Amino acid sequence: MSRYLLKRIATALFTAYLVATLTFFIMNLVPGGPFLAEKAVTPQAQAAMEAKYGLDKPLGKQYLTYMNGLVHGDLGLSIKKRGRTVTEIISTKFPVSARLGGIAMLVAVLVGVPLGAVAAFKRGKTIDNILVVLSTAGIAIPSFLSSTLLLYVFSTKLKLLSSIGLDSPSNYIMPVIALALYPTFYIARLMRSSMLDVMGQDYMRTARAKGVSTVKMIFKHALRNAILPVITYMGPLLASLMTGSFIIEKIFNIPGLGSEFVGAITSRDYPMIMGTTIFLAVFVIFMNVLVDIAYAIVDPRIKLK
């Protein structure tokens, strides 16, 4: 296990380095700059601002300077949010997105896994057909449409829930539903397919022939093996949800990391683009390592080498 973890850490560091390098050079290939949108900026003022942030230096020197700072944990200063470091912004915004995404992930797993299992055991029956239709619709409906419908029904018409911010527990209901809708039904479809495959195995037929109860077959024999594809999906999904969804955060006016990421791209805030991209990449890599470890816990037949 220790050798495997060291190998994965080395691979993760190299992957993060590649992501940082590619992002840096591709970002600088895009036409435009962070100061072109500034109103009434004289060439002298623009040159002074570029010198302040080191943008007047050759691209290769900028890259070496940034990577040196990155090795020492310095993600730089935000160009648009002057006076604030990228690390400070991420540490402030990430907890908001992480809390919202974590709740949405919990809802998706707790609802999607049982739905998929029930659909598999009731294959071809009415409940299975209903769940298949619902899951297809849930996957097809875009998040901005589900968010708008939730706002219209529960905020505008019924006036039961607030549509802005996360000031109270009730404010989480609509954003969590909108954020969890797609992964819930995707997990249900994934679980149904995996469960059907497991149910066709010899050990399941043996358990059924011995008169093992349906509940015991689901939770003791089928679920443990069928859930492996769901665990694979949960790693990158959790990273994506916890780092923020721009559409959901924009519609519900949530001050999370997703809106900061997209805002940095549109405003050409180079340090913020680099910081959020590297943070997301490292988080995804970390979650994939956790998924591999979870494999060995769920299924002892899988060995980490």
Foldseek 3Di string as FASTA:
>chain_A
DVVLVVVLVVVLVVVLVVLLVVLLVVLVVDPDALCPPPPPQDPVNVVVLCVVQVVVDDSVVVVVVCVVCVVVVALAPWSVPPPDGLVRLQVVFLVLLLVLLVLLLVVLCVQQQVLLLVLQVQPPDPSVVVLVVQLVVLQPDALLVQLVVCCCPDCVPVNPADLAEPPDPRNSVSLSCSLNSNSNSVSSVQLNVLLNVQCPDPVNVVCVVVVPDPVCCCPPPRVLRSCLVVLQVSLLSSLVRSQDDCSSCVRSVYRHNNVQQVVCSVSVRPSNVSVSSSVSSSSSSVSNVVSLVVVCVSDVVDDRD
